[in-house]
Amino acid sequence: MISDSTRTEELPIYESLIRERGDVVEEARVVAEETQHQMTQALNGVAPAPQETGAH
């Protein structure tokens, strides 16, 4: 089991990775929420607004 002091020491590394690479976990959460919303609308028979796809 990892002690609380070890977890605290790892946080600066995690924060620096987020600054360098972006917060992938947060991005995945946002996409999952958007997808869930779209699927709820689709199941309720609501036509979603067209969205652009592709690279930014």
C-alpha atoms as a PDB file:
ATOM      1  CA  MET A   1       0.000   0.000   0.000  1.00  0.00           C
ATOM      2  CA  ILE A   2       1.243   3.500  -0.838  1.00  0.00           C
ATOM      3  CA  SER A   3       1.473   5.924   2.067  1.00  0.00           C
ATOM      4  CA  ASP A   4      -0.038   9.413   1.918  1.00  0.00           C
ATOM      5  CA  SER A   5       3.441  10.983   2.026  1.00  0.00           C
ATOM      6  CA  THR A   6       4.445   9.053  -1.115  1.00  0.00           C
ATOM      7  CA  ARG A   7       1.312  10.198  -2.943  1.00  0.00           C
ATOM      8  CA  THR A   8       2.017  13.819  -1.979  1.00  0.00           C
ATOM      9  CA  GLU A   9       5.569  13.558  -3.308  1.00  0.00           C
ATOM     10  CA  GLU A  10       4.257  12.282  -6.672  1.00  0.00           C
ATOM     11  CA  LEU A  11       1.925  15.226  -7.230  1.00  0.00           C
ATOM     12  CA  PRO A  12       4.569  17.657  -8.556  1.00  0.00           C
ATOM     13  CA  ILE A  13       5.556  15.077 -11.180  1.00  0.00           C
ATOM     14  CA  TYR A  14       1.921  14.602 -12.200  1.00  0.00           C
ATOM     15  CA  GLU A  15       1.380  18.368 -12.358  1.00  0.00           C
ATOM     16  CA  SER A  16       4.460  18.847 -14.531  1.00  0.00           C
ATOM     17  CA  LEU A  17       3.252  16.089 -16.888  1.00  0.00           C
ATOM     18  CA  ILE A  18      -0.109  17.850 -17.188  1.00  0.00           C
ATOM     19  CA  ARG A  19       1.671  21.092 -18.092  1.00  0.00           C
ATOM     20  CA  GLU A  20       3.824  19.303 -20.679  1.00  0.00           C
ATOM     21  CA  ARG A  21       1.320  16.864 -22.187  1.00  0.00           C
ATOM     22  CA  GLY A  22      -2.111  18.219 -21.265  1.00  0.00           C
ATOM     23  CA  ASP A  23      -4.687  16.755 -18.921  1.00  0.00           C
ATOM     24  CA  VAL A  24      -5.708  13.640 -20.836  1.00  0.00           C
ATOM     25  CA  VAL A  25      -7.984  12.460 -18.031  1.00  0.00           C
ATOM     26  CA  GLU A  26      -9.922  15.750 -18.086  1.00  0.00           C
ATOM     27  CA  GLU A  27     -10.165  15.661 -21.884  1.00  0.00           C
ATOM     28  CA  ALA A  28     -11.505  12.101 -21.778  1.00  0.00           C
ATOM     29  CA  ARG A  29     -14.073  13.107 -19.156  1.00  0.00           C
ATOM     30  CA  VAL A  30     -15.321  15.995 -21.317  1.00  0.00           C
ATOM     31  CA  VAL A  31     -15.606  13.795 -24.414  1.00  0.00           C
ATOM     32  CA  ALA A  32     -17.427  11.100 -22.415  1.00  0.00           C
ATOM     33  CA  GLU A  33     -19.925  13.652 -21.087  1.00  0.00           C
ATOM     34  CA  GLU A  34     -20.526  15.056 -24.586  1.00  0.00           C
ATOM     35  CA  THR A  35     -21.018  11.550 -25.975  1.00  0.00           C
ATOM     36  CA  GLN A  36     -23.423  10.649 -23.182  1.00  0.00           C
ATOM     37  CA  HIS A  37     -25.436  13.808 -23.879  1.00  0.00           C
ATOM     38  CA  GLN A  38     -25.564  13.055 -27.614  1.00  0.00           C
ATOM     39  CA  MET A  39     -26.638   9.458 -27.009  1.00  0.00           C
ATOM     40  CA  THR A  40     -29.373  10.593 -24.596  1.00  0.00           C
ATOM     41  CA  GLN A  41     -30.672  12.982 -27.249  1.00  0.00           C
ATOM     42  CA  ALA A  42     -30.523  10.274 -29.913  1.00  0.00           C
ATOM     43  CA  LEU A  43     -32.429   7.814 -27.724  1.00  0.00           C
ATOM     44  CA  ASN A  44     -35.063  10.486 -27.063  1.00  0.00           C
ATOM     45  CA  GLY A  45     -35.453  11.143 -30.800  1.00  0.00           C
ATOM     46  CA  VAL A  46     -33.882  14.590 -30.748  1.00  0.00           C
ATOM     47  CA  ALA A  47     -31.810  15.368 -33.832  1.00  0.00           C
ATOM     48  CA  PRO A  48     -28.384  16.701 -32.796  1.00  0.00           C
ATOM     49  CA  ALA A  49     -26.947  19.815 -34.440  1.00  0.00           C
ATOM     50  CA  PRO A  50     -24.291  18.969 -37.051  1.00  0.00           C
ATOM     51  CA  GLN A  51     -20.759  19.197 -35.678  1.00  0.00           C
ATOM     52  CA  GLU A  52     -17.451  19.567 -37.454  1.00  0.00           C
ATOM     53  CA  THR A  53     -15.140  16.598 -37.377  1.00  0.00           C
ATOM     54  CA  GLY A  54     -11.454  16.341 -38.087  1.00  0.00           C
ATOM     55  CA  ALA A  55      -8.237  17.873 -36.859  1.00  0.00           C
ATOM     56  CA  HIS A  56      -8.154  21.354 -35.369  1.00  0.00           C
END
